[in-house]
Amino acid sequence: MPRKLGRIAGVVLASALSGMLAGCSYLLPTEFGMAGAPPPGEGPGGTGWGQTIVVAAGYAEGETEGPYLLDSGDRLRIFIYGHPNLSRLYTVDQEGMIPVPLIGEIRARGRTTRSLARAIAARLGARYVREPQVTVDIAQNRPFFILGEVRNAGQFPYVSGLTVKAAVAIAGGFADRADERRIQITRRHNGIIEKMDVPPDYVVRPGDTLYVYERWL
């Protein structure tokens, strides 16, 4: 009887160890090699392994993004009724601010146009203008960036409805060694940086950075 119990315990222990090893198999270096070379800044010691979101074709990107949030590079048309000297074009600087006469710098980054209009009106109304009426519109969106295996990598003006496929075309098309099935978007959303492997019909947003991987075979 003790021998039988010993054999049963050995089988249970072996099964448990096998399950543990199977669950850890994704940590093997060979798994990383199968994925190909990551874009700059990823890999061991970087921010990348295991943090990429894969987006399927047909994903309704516009339904989940929420309102457009302002950031560096956005060019804004601000109109203050009755005050033409204050009504002009402003560009959000690298710190996410815009300089408005009388009230000084005000934060635009992370705000919607409506929220920014309310903030400007509140500051003006506190000391300078009685019941100010302020509107903020986007005159020009911040640019997008495309890197990696394209013919003309760099920064380009954003156009409404831009897709990954169209962005690659703007950059001169795929380079000879491009992996046309592997394109990553890096996006800052609500203070969080997301990295997503996306299909060609995925919608690009202002400020996105696209990276086209190199084909290894």
C-alpha atoms as a PDB file:
ATOM      1  CA  MET A   1       0.000   0.000   0.000  1.00  0.00           C
ATOM      2  CA  PRO A   2       2.773   2.579   0.794  1.00  0.00           C
ATOM      3  CA  ARG A   3       4.436   1.789  -2.570  1.00  0.00           C
ATOM      4  CA  LYS A   4       1.169   2.416  -4.427  1.00  0.00           C
ATOM      5  CA  LEU A   5       0.709   5.727  -2.646  1.00  0.00           C
ATOM      6  CA  GLY A   6       4.290   6.667  -3.516  1.00  0.00           C
ATOM      7  CA  ARG A   7       3.702   5.945  -7.216  1.00  0.00           C
ATOM      8  CA  ILE A   8       0.499   8.051  -7.200  1.00  0.00           C
ATOM      9  CA  ALA A   9       2.301  10.964  -5.519  1.00  0.00           C
ATOM     10  CA  GLY A  10       5.085  10.744  -8.120  1.00  0.00           C
ATOM     11  CA  VAL A  11       2.607  10.914 -11.001  1.00  0.00           C
ATOM     12  CA  VAL A  12       0.840  13.933  -9.450  1.00  0.00           C
ATOM     13  CA  LEU A  13       4.159  15.752  -8.892  1.00  0.00           C
ATOM     14  CA  ALA A  14       5.326  15.074 -12.454  1.00  0.00           C
ATOM     15  CA  SER A  15       2.036  16.372 -13.876  1.00  0.00           C
ATOM     16  CA  ALA A  16       2.273  19.540 -11.794  1.00  0.00           C
ATOM     17  CA  LEU A  17       5.849  20.226 -12.925  1.00  0.00           C
ATOM     18  CA  SER A  18       4.884  19.621 -16.551  1.00  0.00           C
ATOM     19  CA  GLY A  19       2.018  22.117 -16.265  1.00  0.00           C
ATOM     20  CA  MET A  20       4.269  24.733 -14.696  1.00  0.00           C
ATOM     21  CA  LEU A  21       6.875  24.365 -17.445  1.00  0.00           C
ATOM     22  CA  ALA A  22       4.213  24.592 -20.148  1.00  0.00           C
ATOM     23  CA  GLY A  23       2.848  27.768 -18.631  1.00  0.00           C
ATOM     24  CA  CYS A  24       6.323  29.347 -18.700  1.00  0.00           C
ATOM     25  CA  SER A  25       7.192  28.381 -22.249  1.00  0.00           C
ATOM     26  CA  TYR A  26       6.443  31.877 -23.577  1.00  0.00           C
ATOM     27  CA  LEU A  27       9.557  33.108 -21.759  1.00  0.00           C
ATOM     28  CA  LEU A  28      11.936  31.113 -23.919  1.00  0.00           C
ATOM     29  CA  PRO A  29      14.294  33.276 -26.048  1.00  0.00           C
ATOM     30  CA  THR A  30      13.324  31.337 -29.196  1.00  0.00           C
ATOM     31  CA  GLU A  31       9.796  32.732 -28.911  1.00  0.00           C
ATOM     32  CA  PHE A  32      11.174  36.277 -29.116  1.00  0.00           C
ATOM     33  CA  GLY A  33      13.212  35.370 -32.191  1.00  0.00           C
ATOM     34  CA  MET A  34      10.112  34.156 -34.048  1.00  0.00           C
ATOM     35  CA  ALA A  35       8.538  37.594 -33.807  1.00  0.00           C
ATOM     36  CA  GLY A  36      11.323  39.300 -35.798  1.00  0.00           C
ATOM     37  CA  ALA A  37      13.290  42.389 -34.829  1.00  0.00           C
ATOM     38  CA  PRO A  38      11.391  44.977 -32.764  1.00  0.00           C
ATOM     39  CA  PRO A  39      11.379  48.686 -33.556  1.00  0.00           C
ATOM     40  CA  PRO A  40      13.976  50.893 -31.805  1.00  0.00           C
ATOM     41  CA  GLY A  41      13.619  51.082 -28.031  1.00  0.00           C
ATOM     42  CA  GLU A  42      12.051  47.644 -27.580  1.00  0.00           C
ATOM     43  CA  GLY A  43      13.408  44.344 -26.387  1.00  0.00           C
ATOM     44  CA  PRO A  44      15.055  43.359 -23.089  1.00  0.00           C
ATOM     45  CA  GLY A  45      15.635  46.455 -20.990  1.00  0.00           C
ATOM     46  CA  GLY A  46      13.205  48.521 -23.121  1.00  0.00           C
ATOM     47  CA  THR A  47       9.473  48.945 -22.941  1.00  0.00           C
ATOM     48  CA  GLY A  48       8.366  46.458 -25.493  1.00  0.00           C
ATOM     49  CA  TRP A  49       8.230  42.677 -25.018  1.00  0.00           C
ATOM     50  CA  GLY A  50       4.715  41.424 -24.464  1.00  0.00           C
ATOM     51  CA  GLN A  51       3.112  44.872 -24.422  1.00  0.00           C
ATOM     52  CA  THR A  52       1.939  45.105 -28.028  1.00  0.00           C
ATOM     53  CA  ILE A  53      -1.799  45.007 -28.720  1.00  0.00           C
ATOM     54  CA  VAL A  54      -2.821  43.194 -31.913  1.00  0.00           C
ATOM     55  CA  VAL A  55      -5.742  44.896 -33.657  1.00  0.00           C
ATOM     56  CA  ALA A  56      -7.809  42.799 -36.042  1.00  0.00           C
ATOM     57  CA  ALA A  57      -8.931  43.974 -39.466  1.00  0.00           C
ATOM     58  CA  GLY A  58     -12.292  45.709 -39.434  1.00  0.00           C
ATOM     59  CA  TYR A  59     -11.792  47.077 -35.907  1.00  0.00           C
ATOM     60  CA  ALA A  60     -14.105  50.055 -35.367  1.00  0.00           C
ATOM     61  CA  GLU A  61     -11.379  52.359 -34.129  1.00  0.00           C
ATOM     62  CA  GLY A  62     -13.534  55.473 -34.195  1.00  0.00           C
ATOM     63  CA  GLU A  63     -16.088  54.019 -31.787  1.00  0.00           C
ATOM     64  CA  THR A  64     -13.678  53.649 -28.851  1.00  0.00           C
ATOM     65  CA  GLU A  65     -11.307  56.583 -29.094  1.00  0.00           C
ATOM     66  CA  GLY A  66     -13.573  59.211 -27.550  1.00  0.00           C
ATOM     67  CA  PRO A  67     -13.215  62.966 -28.109  1.00  0.00           C
ATOM     68  CA  TYR A  68     -10.111  64.388 -29.755  1.00  0.00           C
ATOM     69  CA  LEU A  69      -7.581  65.607 -27.188  1.00  0.00           C
ATOM     70  CA  LEU A  70      -5.188  68.419 -28.048  1.00  0.00           C
ATOM     71  CA  ASP A  71      -1.421  68.020 -27.935  1.00  0.00           C
ATOM     72  CA  SER A  72       1.846  69.536 -29.166  1.00  0.00           C
ATOM     73  CA  GLY A  73       1.757  70.558 -32.820  1.00  0.00           C
ATOM     74  CA  ASP A  74      -1.978  71.178 -33.064  1.00  0.00           C
ATOM     75  CA  ARG A  75      -2.742  74.552 -34.635  1.00  0.00           C
ATOM     76  CA  LEU A  76      -5.806  76.225 -33.151  1.00  0.00           C
ATOM     77  CA  ARG A  77      -8.092  79.012 -34.319  1.00  0.00           C
ATOM     78  CA  ILE A  78      -9.292  80.893 -31.242  1.00  0.00           C
ATOM     79  CA  PHE A  79     -12.053  83.488 -31.606  1.00  0.00           C
ATOM     80  CA  ILE A  80     -13.051  85.827 -28.779  1.00  0.00           C
ATOM     81  CA  TYR A  81     -16.170  87.786 -29.676  1.00  0.00           C
ATOM     82  CA  GLY A  82     -15.621  91.533 -29.701  1.00  0.00           C
ATOM     83  CA  HIS A  83     -11.836  91.235 -29.228  1.00  0.00           C
ATOM     84  CA  PRO A  84     -10.121  90.851 -32.634  1.00  0.00           C
ATOM     85  CA  ASN A  85      -6.706  91.536 -31.072  1.00  0.00           C
ATOM     86  CA  LEU A  86      -7.074  88.303 -29.078  1.00  0.00           C
ATOM     87  CA  SER A  87      -8.590  86.256 -31.905  1.00  0.00           C
ATOM     88  CA  ARG A  88      -5.840  84.523 -33.895  1.00  0.00           C
ATOM     89  CA  LEU A  89      -4.089  81.253 -34.707  1.00  0.00           C
ATOM     90  CA  TYR A  90      -2.148  79.548 -31.928  1.00  0.00           C
ATOM     91  CA  THR A  91       0.136  76.496 -32.048  1.00  0.00           C
ATOM     92  CA  VAL A  92       0.362  74.154 -29.055  1.00  0.00           C
ATOM     93  CA  ASP A  93       4.041  74.125 -28.054  1.00  0.00           C
ATOM     94  CA  GLN A  94       6.222  71.218 -26.893  1.00  0.00           C
ATOM     95  CA  GLU A  95       5.093  71.767 -23.318  1.00  0.00           C
ATOM     96  CA  GLY A  96       1.443  71.520 -24.344  1.00  0.00           C
ATOM     97  CA  MET A  97       0.786  75.221 -23.767  1.00  0.00           C
ATOM     98  CA  ILE A  98      -0.456  78.191 -25.806  1.00  0.00           C
ATOM     99  CA  PRO A  99       0.353  81.856 -24.993  1.00  0.00           C
ATOM    100  CA  VAL A 100      -2.793  84.005 -24.956  1.00  0.00           C
ATOM    101  CA  PRO A 101      -2.473  87.800 -24.568  1.00  0.00           C
ATOM    102  CA  LEU A 102      -3.575  89.201 -21.189  1.00  0.00           C
ATOM    103  CA  ILE A 103      -3.860  85.807 -19.484  1.00  0.00           C
ATOM    104  CA  GLY A 104      -0.463  84.306 -20.439  1.00  0.00           C
ATOM    105  CA  GLU A 105       0.185  80.622 -21.049  1.00  0.00           C
ATOM    106  CA  ILE A 106      -2.661  78.158 -20.669  1.00  0.00           C
ATOM    107  CA  ARG A 107      -2.541  74.385 -20.903  1.00  0.00           C
ATOM    108  CA  ALA A 108      -4.046  72.879 -24.051  1.00  0.00           C
ATOM    109  CA  ARG A 109      -2.582  69.359 -23.894  1.00  0.00           C
ATOM    110  CA  GLY A 110      -5.095  66.737 -22.872  1.00  0.00           C
ATOM    111  CA  ARG A 111      -8.073  69.055 -23.313  1.00  0.00           C
ATOM    112  CA  THR A 112     -10.842  69.082 -25.884  1.00  0.00           C
ATOM    113  CA  THR A 113     -11.447  72.274 -27.860  1.00  0.00           C
ATOM    114  CA  ARG A 114     -14.572  72.916 -25.792  1.00  0.00           C
ATOM    115  CA  SER A 115     -12.708  72.457 -22.513  1.00  0.00           C
ATOM    116  CA  LEU A 116      -9.954  74.837 -23.641  1.00  0.00           C
ATOM    117  CA  ALA A 117     -12.532  77.447 -24.676  1.00  0.00           C
ATOM    118  CA  ARG A 118     -14.089  77.285 -21.200  1.00  0.00           C
ATOM    119  CA  ALA A 119     -10.676  77.632 -19.520  1.00  0.00           C
ATOM    120  CA  ILE A 120      -9.773  80.695 -21.607  1.00  0.00           C
ATOM    121  CA  ALA A 121     -13.169  82.281 -20.947  1.00  0.00           C
ATOM    122  CA  ALA A 122     -12.807  81.706 -17.205  1.00  0.00           C
ATOM    123  CA  ARG A 123      -9.410  83.434 -17.071  1.00  0.00           C
ATOM    124  CA  LEU A 124     -10.505  86.345 -19.229  1.00  0.00           C
ATOM    125  CA  GLY A 125     -13.735  86.771 -17.291  1.00  0.00           C
ATOM    126  CA  ALA A 126     -11.941  86.810 -13.948  1.00  0.00           C
ATOM    127  CA  ARG A 127     -10.118  90.096 -14.655  1.00  0.00           C
ATOM    128  CA  TYR A 128     -10.247  91.420 -18.201  1.00  0.00           C
ATOM    129  CA  VAL A 129     -13.421  90.730 -20.231  1.00  0.00           C
ATOM    130  CA  ARG A 130     -17.014  90.790 -19.091  1.00  0.00           C
ATOM    131  CA  GLU A 131     -18.830  87.567 -20.003  1.00  0.00           C
ATOM    132  CA  PRO A 132     -16.355  86.541 -22.736  1.00  0.00           C
ATOM    133  CA  GLN A 133     -17.591  84.349 -25.589  1.00  0.00           C
ATOM    134  CA  VAL A 134     -14.789  82.055 -26.731  1.00  0.00           C
ATOM    135  CA  THR A 135     -14.696  79.406 -29.457  1.00  0.00           C
ATOM    136  CA  VAL A 136     -11.768  77.109 -30.285  1.00  0.00           C
ATOM    137  CA  ASP A 137     -11.456  75.178 -33.547  1.00  0.00           C
ATOM    138  CA  ILE A 138      -8.653  73.030 -34.957  1.00  0.00           C
ATOM    139  CA  ALA A 139      -7.082  74.819 -37.923  1.00  0.00           C
ATOM    140  CA  GLN A 140      -4.540  72.047 -38.527  1.00  0.00           C
ATOM    141  CA  ASN A 141      -3.967  68.757 -36.743  1.00  0.00           C
ATOM    142  CA  ARG A 142      -0.549  67.801 -35.431  1.00  0.00           C
ATOM    143  CA  PRO A 143       1.495  65.684 -37.869  1.00  0.00           C
ATOM    144  CA  PHE A 144       2.009  61.935 -37.879  1.00  0.00           C
ATOM    145  CA  PHE A 145       5.362  60.129 -38.154  1.00  0.00           C
ATOM    146  CA  ILE A 146       6.333  57.030 -40.097  1.00  0.00           C
ATOM    147  CA  LEU A 147       9.609  55.133 -39.603  1.00  0.00           C
ATOM    148  CA  GLY A 148      11.188  51.853 -40.600  1.00  0.00           C
ATOM    149  CA  GLU A 149      10.979  50.180 -43.999  1.00  0.00           C
ATOM    150  CA  VAL A 150       9.407  52.937 -46.109  1.00  0.00           C
ATOM    151  CA  ARG A 151      11.069  54.923 -48.894  1.00  0.00           C
ATOM    152  CA  ASN A 152      10.757  58.349 -47.249  1.00  0.00           C
ATOM    153  CA  ALA A 153      10.557  58.075 -43.468  1.00  0.00           C
ATOM    154  CA  GLY A 154       9.744  61.239 -41.536  1.00  0.00           C
ATOM    155  CA  GLN A 155       7.015  63.634 -40.413  1.00  0.00           C
ATOM    156  CA  PHE A 156       3.972  64.362 -42.555  1.00  0.00           C
ATOM    157  CA  PRO A 157       0.842  66.563 -42.279  1.00  0.00           C
ATOM    158  CA  TYR A 158      -2.201  64.698 -41.031  1.00  0.00           C
ATOM    159  CA  VAL A 159      -5.316  64.483 -43.193  1.00  0.00           C
ATOM    160  CA  SER A 160      -8.742  63.441 -41.979  1.00  0.00           C
ATOM    161  CA  GLY A 161      -9.615  59.769 -42.439  1.00  0.00           C
ATOM    162  CA  LEU A 162      -5.993  58.713 -42.950  1.00  0.00           C
ATOM    163  CA  THR A 163      -5.405  54.937 -42.896  1.00  0.00           C
ATOM    164  CA  VAL A 164      -2.186  52.991 -42.416  1.00  0.00           C
ATOM    165  CA  LYS A 165      -2.160  52.081 -46.111  1.00  0.00           C
ATOM    166  CA  ALA A 166      -2.537  55.739 -47.132  1.00  0.00           C
ATOM    167  CA  ALA A 167       0.173  56.818 -44.667  1.00  0.00           C
ATOM    168  CA  VAL A 168       2.627  54.357 -46.228  1.00  0.00           C
ATOM    169  CA  ALA A 169       1.752  55.738 -49.673  1.00  0.00           C
ATOM    170  CA  ILE A 170       2.430  59.293 -48.461  1.00  0.00           C
ATOM    171  CA  ALA A 171       5.860  58.088 -47.302  1.00  0.00           C
ATOM    172  CA  GLY A 172       6.663  56.826 -50.803  1.00  0.00           C
ATOM    173  CA  GLY A 173       5.495  53.237 -50.343  1.00  0.00           C
ATOM    174  CA  PHE A 174       7.148  50.199 -48.810  1.00  0.00           C
ATOM    175  CA  ALA A 175      10.919  49.731 -49.076  1.00  0.00           C
ATOM    176  CA  ASP A 176      12.240  46.561 -50.704  1.00  0.00           C
ATOM    177  CA  ARG A 177      12.720  44.709 -47.412  1.00  0.00           C
ATOM    178  CA  ALA A 178       9.484  45.813 -45.759  1.00  0.00           C
ATOM    179  CA  ASP A 179       7.217  43.318 -44.030  1.00  0.00           C
ATOM    180  CA  GLU A 180       3.934  44.605 -45.437  1.00  0.00           C
ATOM    181  CA  ARG A 181       1.936  42.555 -42.922  1.00  0.00           C
ATOM    182  CA  ARG A 182       3.625  43.969 -39.806  1.00  0.00           C
ATOM    183  CA  ILE A 183       3.024  47.620 -39.042  1.00  0.00           C
ATOM    184  CA  GLN A 184       3.041  49.030 -35.527  1.00  0.00           C
ATOM    185  CA  ILE A 185       1.432  52.230 -34.280  1.00  0.00           C
ATOM    186  CA  THR A 186       2.664  53.970 -31.146  1.00  0.00           C
ATOM    187  CA  ARG A 187      -0.006  56.232 -29.696  1.00  0.00           C
ATOM    188  CA  ARG A 188      -0.315  58.375 -26.577  1.00  0.00           C
ATOM    189  CA  HIS A 189      -3.835  58.067 -25.215  1.00  0.00           C
ATOM    190  CA  ASN A 190      -4.915  59.642 -21.911  1.00  0.00           C
ATOM    191  CA  GLY A 191      -1.296  59.778 -20.750  1.00  0.00           C
ATOM    192  CA  ILE A 192      -0.639  56.119 -21.613  1.00  0.00           C
ATOM    193  CA  ILE A 193       1.620  55.072 -24.504  1.00  0.00           C
ATOM    194  CA  GLU A 194       0.111  52.184 -26.461  1.00  0.00           C
ATOM    195  CA  LYS A 195       1.850  50.041 -29.084  1.00  0.00           C
ATOM    196  CA  MET A 196      -0.442  48.219 -31.521  1.00  0.00           C
ATOM    197  CA  ASP A 197       0.145  45.894 -34.462  1.00  0.00           C
ATOM    198  CA  VAL A 198      -2.510  47.027 -36.918  1.00  0.00           C
ATOM    199  CA  PRO A 199      -3.987  46.045 -40.317  1.00  0.00           C
ATOM    200  CA  PRO A 200      -3.718  48.279 -43.431  1.00  0.00           C
ATOM    201  CA  ASP A 201      -7.233  49.694 -43.039  1.00  0.00           C
ATOM    202  CA  TYR A 202      -6.658  50.879 -39.464  1.00  0.00           C
ATOM    203  CA  VAL A 203      -7.298  54.606 -38.973  1.00  0.00           C
ATOM    204  CA  VAL A 204      -4.273  56.748 -38.079  1.00  0.00           C
ATOM    205  CA  ARG A 205      -4.720  59.604 -35.620  1.00  0.00           C
ATOM    206  CA  PRO A 206      -2.759  62.873 -35.345  1.00  0.00           C
ATOM    207  CA  GLY A 207       0.516  62.417 -33.469  1.00  0.00           C
ATOM    208  CA  ASP A 208       0.723  58.665 -34.165  1.00  0.00           C
ATOM    209  CA  THR A 209       4.095  57.096 -34.966  1.00  0.00           C
ATOM    210  CA  LEU A 210       3.983  54.234 -37.478  1.00  0.00           C
ATOM    211  CA  TYR A 211       6.795  51.702 -37.731  1.00  0.00           C
ATOM    212  CA  VAL A 212       7.103  49.308 -40.684  1.00  0.00           C
ATOM    213  CA  TYR A 213       9.076  46.190 -39.780  1.00  0.00           C
ATOM    214  CA  GLU A 214      11.826  44.655 -41.878  1.00  0.00           C
ATOM    215  CA  ARG A 215      11.181  41.312 -43.555  1.00  0.00           C
ATOM    216  CA  TRP A 216      13.715  38.703 -42.483  1.00  0.00           C
ATOM    217  CA  LEU A 217      12.971  35.925 -45.000  1.00  0.00           C
END
